């Protein structure tokens, strides 16, 4: 997964007006930091998405 796909999925899940602020403010329990911090630290977007998917309890179709 590329960063662009990660951001597209997150925007789809949370909406265009909220997804960036959520990524910068919400500490994803599985990551121990925000999604933005994880990506900035070099965590692969696929792993970050898996953690976000679980935290948001999204349907299996969005995994």
N, C-alpha and C. Protein backbone atom coordinates (compact mmCIF):
# COMPACT_ATOMS: atom_id res chain seq x y z
N UNK A 1 0.84 -1.17 0.00
CA UNK A 1 0.00 0.00 0.00
C UNK A 1 0.90 1.25 0.00
N UNK A 2 0.53 2.20 -0.81
CA UNK A 2 1.26 3.47 -0.86
C UNK A 2 0.60 4.48 0.08
N UNK A 3 1.32 5.51 0.39
CA UNK A 3 0.78 6.56 1.26
C UNK A 3 -0.50 7.16 0.67
N UNK A 4 -0.51 7.35 -0.64
CA UNK A 4 -1.71 7.94 -1.28
C UNK A 4 -2.92 7.06 -1.07
N UNK A 5 -2.75 5.75 -1.17
CA UNK A 5 -3.88 4.85 -0.94
C UNK A 5 -4.34 4.90 0.51
N UNK A 6 -3.38 4.97 1.43
CA UNK A 6 -3.74 5.09 2.85
C UNK A 6 -4.62 6.31 3.07
N UNK A 7 -4.19 7.47 2.54
CA UNK A 7 -4.95 8.71 2.74
C UNK A 7 -6.31 8.65 2.05
N UNK A 8 -6.39 8.01 0.90
CA UNK A 8 -7.67 7.87 0.22
C UNK A 8 -8.63 7.02 1.04
N UNK A 9 -8.14 5.93 1.59
CA UNK A 9 -8.99 5.07 2.42
C UNK A 9 -9.45 5.78 3.68
N UNK A 10 -8.54 6.51 4.30
CA UNK A 10 -8.91 7.22 5.52
C UNK A 10 -9.93 8.31 5.22
N UNK A 11 -9.75 9.02 4.13
CA UNK A 11 -10.72 10.04 3.74
C UNK A 11 -12.09 9.42 3.48
N UNK A 12 -12.10 8.27 2.83
CA UNK A 12 -13.36 7.57 2.56
C UNK A 12 -14.05 7.17 3.86
N UNK A 13 -13.25 6.71 4.83
CA UNK A 13 -13.80 6.23 6.10
C UNK A 13 -14.31 7.37 6.99
N UNK A 14 -13.61 8.50 6.99
CA UNK A 14 -13.93 9.57 7.94
C UNK A 14 -14.50 10.84 7.32
N UNK A 15 -14.35 10.99 6.03
CA UNK A 15 -14.85 12.19 5.37
C UNK A 15 -13.75 13.21 5.14
N UNK A 16 -13.93 14.03 4.10
CA UNK A 16 -12.88 14.97 3.69
C UNK A 16 -12.58 16.07 4.70
N UNK A 17 -13.52 16.40 5.55
CA UNK A 17 -13.29 17.49 6.49
C UNK A 17 -12.67 17.07 7.81
N UNK A 18 -12.48 15.76 8.00
CA UNK A 18 -12.08 15.27 9.32
C UNK A 18 -10.86 14.36 9.30
N UNK A 19 -10.60 13.69 8.20
CA UNK A 19 -9.63 12.60 8.22
C UNK A 19 -8.20 13.04 8.56
N UNK A 20 -7.78 14.21 8.09
CA UNK A 20 -6.40 14.67 8.38
C UNK A 20 -6.24 15.03 9.84
N UNK A 21 -7.23 15.70 10.41
CA UNK A 21 -7.11 16.07 11.83
C UNK A 21 -7.18 14.82 12.71
N UNK A 22 -8.01 13.87 12.34
CA UNK A 22 -8.08 12.62 13.10
C UNK A 22 -6.71 11.94 13.10
N UNK A 23 -6.10 11.85 11.93
CA UNK A 23 -4.81 11.19 11.79
C UNK A 23 -3.72 11.87 12.61
N UNK A 24 -3.86 13.16 12.81
CA UNK A 24 -2.85 13.93 13.54
C UNK A 24 -3.11 13.96 15.05
N UNK A 25 -4.34 13.66 15.48
CA UNK A 25 -4.69 13.83 16.89
C UNK A 25 -5.02 12.55 17.64
N UNK A 26 -5.60 11.57 16.97
CA UNK A 26 -6.04 10.35 17.66
C UNK A 26 -4.87 9.36 17.79
N UNK A 27 -4.58 8.96 19.01
CA UNK A 27 -3.54 7.96 19.25
C UNK A 27 -4.15 6.58 19.03
N UNK A 28 -3.67 5.90 18.02
CA UNK A 28 -4.16 4.56 17.69
C UNK A 28 -3.55 3.59 18.69
N UNK A 29 -4.37 2.92 19.49
CA UNK A 29 -3.84 2.07 20.56
C UNK A 29 -2.79 1.06 20.09
N UNK A 30 -3.03 0.42 18.98
CA UNK A 30 -2.10 -0.61 18.50
C UNK A 30 -0.74 -0.02 18.12
N UNK A 31 -0.72 1.24 17.72
CA UNK A 31 0.52 1.88 17.32
C UNK A 31 1.20 2.64 18.46
N UNK A 32 0.41 3.05 19.44
CA UNK A 32 0.95 3.83 20.55
C UNK A 32 1.27 5.26 20.16
N UNK A 33 0.76 5.69 19.05
CA UNK A 33 0.96 7.05 18.54
C UNK A 33 -0.10 7.31 17.48
N UNK A 34 -0.11 8.52 16.96
CA UNK A 34 -1.09 8.84 15.93
C UNK A 34 -0.68 8.18 14.60
N UNK A 35 -1.64 8.09 13.70
CA UNK A 35 -1.34 7.55 12.37
C UNK A 35 -0.31 8.42 11.67
N UNK A 36 -0.44 9.72 11.79
CA UNK A 36 0.51 10.63 11.16
C UNK A 36 1.91 10.43 11.72
N UNK A 37 2.03 10.32 13.03
CA UNK A 37 3.34 10.09 13.65
C UNK A 37 3.94 8.77 13.19
N UNK A 38 3.11 7.74 13.10
CA UNK A 38 3.59 6.44 12.66
C UNK A 38 4.12 6.51 11.23
N UNK A 39 3.36 7.14 10.35
CA UNK A 39 3.81 7.28 8.96
C UNK A 39 5.09 8.09 8.87
N UNK A 40 5.15 9.18 9.63
CA UNK A 40 6.35 10.02 9.64
C UNK A 40 7.57 9.26 10.15
N UNK A 41 7.35 8.30 11.04
CA UNK A 41 8.45 7.51 11.62
C UNK A 41 8.86 6.36 10.71
N UNK A 42 8.16 6.19 9.60
CA UNK A 42 8.53 5.14 8.65
C UNK A 42 7.78 3.83 8.78
N UNK A 43 6.74 3.81 9.62
CA UNK A 43 5.93 2.60 9.71
C UNK A 43 5.21 2.43 8.37
N UNK A 44 5.23 1.23 7.79
CA UNK A 44 4.60 1.03 6.49
C UNK A 44 3.11 1.38 6.52
N UNK A 45 2.64 2.07 5.48
CA UNK A 45 1.22 2.46 5.44
C UNK A 45 0.26 1.28 5.59
N UNK A 46 0.64 0.13 5.10
CA UNK A 46 -0.23 -1.05 5.23
C UNK A 46 -0.42 -1.43 6.69
N UNK A 47 0.64 -1.35 7.48
CA UNK A 47 0.54 -1.66 8.91
C UNK A 47 -0.26 -0.59 9.64
N UNK A 48 -0.04 0.66 9.27
CA UNK A 48 -0.80 1.76 9.89
C UNK A 48 -2.28 1.59 9.56
N UNK A 49 -2.59 1.27 8.31
CA UNK A 49 -3.98 1.09 7.93
C UNK A 49 -4.63 -0.05 8.71
N UNK A 50 -3.92 -1.15 8.89
CA UNK A 50 -4.47 -2.28 9.64
C UNK A 50 -4.83 -1.85 11.07
N UNK A 51 -3.97 -1.05 11.67
CA UNK A 51 -4.24 -0.56 13.03
C UNK A 51 -5.41 0.42 13.05
N UNK A 52 -5.45 1.30 12.07
CA UNK A 52 -6.55 2.28 11.97
C UNK A 52 -7.86 1.55 11.71
N UNK A 53 -7.83 0.58 10.81
CA UNK A 53 -9.02 -0.21 10.49
C UNK A 53 -9.60 -0.84 11.76
N UNK A 54 -8.73 -1.41 12.57
CA UNK A 54 -9.18 -2.02 13.81
C UNK A 54 -9.71 -1.00 14.81
N UNK A 55 -9.02 0.12 14.92
CA UNK A 55 -9.43 1.16 15.88
C UNK A 55 -10.79 1.75 15.51
N UNK A 56 -11.03 1.89 14.22
CA UNK A 56 -12.30 2.47 13.76
C UNK A 56 -13.41 1.44 13.63
N UNK A 57 -13.05 0.16 13.81
CA UNK A 57 -14.01 -0.94 13.67
C UNK A 57 -14.73 -0.87 12.33
N UNK A 58 -13.94 -0.73 11.28
CA UNK A 58 -14.49 -0.65 9.93
C UNK A 58 -14.88 -2.05 9.45
N UNK A 59 -15.78 -2.12 8.48
CA UNK A 59 -16.19 -3.43 7.96
C UNK A 59 -15.04 -4.15 7.25
N UNK A 60 -15.14 -5.46 7.22
CA UNK A 60 -14.10 -6.28 6.60
C UNK A 60 -13.84 -5.89 5.15
N UNK A 61 -14.84 -5.40 4.48
CA UNK A 61 -14.70 -5.00 3.07
C UNK A 61 -13.72 -3.84 2.89
N UNK A 62 -13.43 -3.11 3.96
CA UNK A 62 -12.53 -1.96 3.87
C UNK A 62 -11.13 -2.29 4.36
N UNK A 63 -10.90 -3.54 4.65
CA UNK A 63 -9.59 -3.95 5.14
C UNK A 63 -8.64 -3.94 4.02
